[in-house]
Amino acid sequence: MENTLSILIILAGIGVFIIMKKFSHTGKTYLVNFSIALLMALLFIRTMMLEPLDWIGYVAIVFCGLAFIAQMILGFKNLKTT
């Protein structure tokens, strides 16, 4: 499961790069926000799987969770304006 999740994170990172190159200057910026939110969610899940979880793991969980929420909010705002 950990290896599969790590591969999904790599693929999501590549997807974010491609989506940012194609859609960041268009009216479809919500795609960029949702792809970054997916990447943050995958990183959040992967960090939760670490054992033992030290203080930097907790910091990563908090920031990935906040980034996920922020990108979802921005994505919905950008979706409504189009």
Protein backbone atom coordinates (compact mmCIF):
# COMPACT_ATOMS: atom_id res chain seq x y z
CA MET A 1 0.00 0.00 0.00
CA GLU A 2 2.82 2.42 0.85
CA ASN A 3 4.56 1.86 -2.48
CA THR A 4 1.31 2.30 -4.39
CA LEU A 5 0.60 5.51 -2.55
CA SER A 6 4.11 6.78 -3.24
CA ILE A 7 3.67 6.05 -6.95
CA LEU A 8 0.32 7.89 -6.89
CA ILE A 9 2.03 10.89 -5.28
CA ILE A 10 4.65 10.93 -8.04
CA LEU A 11 1.97 10.66 -10.73
CA ALA A 12 -0.09 13.40 -9.08
CA GLY A 13 3.00 15.63 -8.96
CA ILE A 14 3.56 15.11 -12.67
CA GLY A 15 -0.13 15.79 -13.29
CA VAL A 16 0.03 19.02 -11.28
CA PHE A 17 3.02 20.15 -13.36
CA ILE A 18 1.24 19.43 -16.65
CA ILE A 19 -2.03 21.03 -15.52
CA MET A 20 -0.21 24.11 -14.24
CA LYS A 21 1.61 24.50 -17.57
CA LYS A 22 -1.60 24.19 -19.60
CA PHE A 23 -4.31 25.82 -17.49
CA SER A 24 -2.70 28.33 -15.12
CA HIS A 25 -3.08 31.17 -17.64
CA THR A 26 -6.59 30.29 -18.76
CA GLY A 27 -10.00 30.59 -17.17
CA LYS A 28 -9.72 27.05 -15.83
CA THR A 29 -7.55 27.77 -12.81
CA TYR A 30 -9.89 25.62 -10.71
CA LEU A 31 -8.24 22.58 -12.33
CA VAL A 32 -4.92 23.71 -10.90
CA ASN A 33 -6.47 24.13 -7.46
CA PHE A 34 -8.13 20.71 -7.47
CA SER A 35 -4.99 18.95 -8.71
CA ILE A 36 -2.92 20.57 -5.95
CA ALA A 37 -5.62 19.59 -3.44
CA LEU A 38 -5.35 15.97 -4.61
CA LEU A 39 -1.59 16.06 -4.19
CA MET A 40 -1.91 17.51 -0.68
CA ALA A 41 -4.47 14.85 0.27
CA LEU A 42 -2.16 12.07 -0.93
CA LEU A 43 0.76 13.57 1.00
CA PHE A 44 -1.46 13.85 4.09
CA ILE A 45 -2.42 10.17 3.86
CA ARG A 46 1.18 9.08 3.24
CA THR A 47 2.46 11.07 6.21
CA MET A 48 -0.20 9.52 8.44
CA MET A 49 1.19 6.08 7.54
CA LEU A 50 4.66 6.85 8.92
CA GLU A 51 5.69 5.04 12.07
CA PRO A 52 6.89 6.35 14.45
CA LEU A 53 5.53 9.79 13.76
CA ASP A 54 7.80 12.50 15.14
CA TRP A 55 7.23 16.23 15.50
CA ILE A 56 8.09 17.03 11.91
CA GLY A 57 5.53 14.46 10.77
CA TYR A 58 2.85 16.24 12.78
CA VAL A 59 3.89 19.57 11.27
CA ALA A 60 3.68 18.04 7.78
CA ILE A 61 0.22 16.66 8.54
CA VAL A 62 -1.03 20.05 9.73
CA PHE A 63 0.36 21.96 6.75
CA CYS A 64 -0.79 19.40 4.17
CA GLY A 65 -4.25 19.41 5.73
CA LEU A 66 -4.43 23.20 5.69
CA ALA A 67 -3.13 23.34 2.12
CA PHE A 68 -5.74 20.79 1.04
CA ILE A 69 -8.55 22.84 2.57
CA ALA A 70 -7.22 26.10 1.10
CA GLN A 71 -6.89 24.64 -2.40
CA MET A 72 -10.40 23.16 -2.26
CA ILE A 73 -11.83 26.54 -1.23
CA LEU A 74 -9.90 28.33 -3.98
CA GLY A 75 -10.98 25.70 -6.49
CA PHE A 76 -14.67 26.14 -5.67
CA LYS A 77 -14.33 29.93 -5.76
CA ASN A 78 -12.64 29.78 -9.17
CA LEU A 79 -15.23 27.30 -10.42
CA LYS A 80 -18.08 29.62 -9.44
CA THR A 81 -16.55 32.61 -11.23
CA THR A 82 -16.33 30.78 -14.58
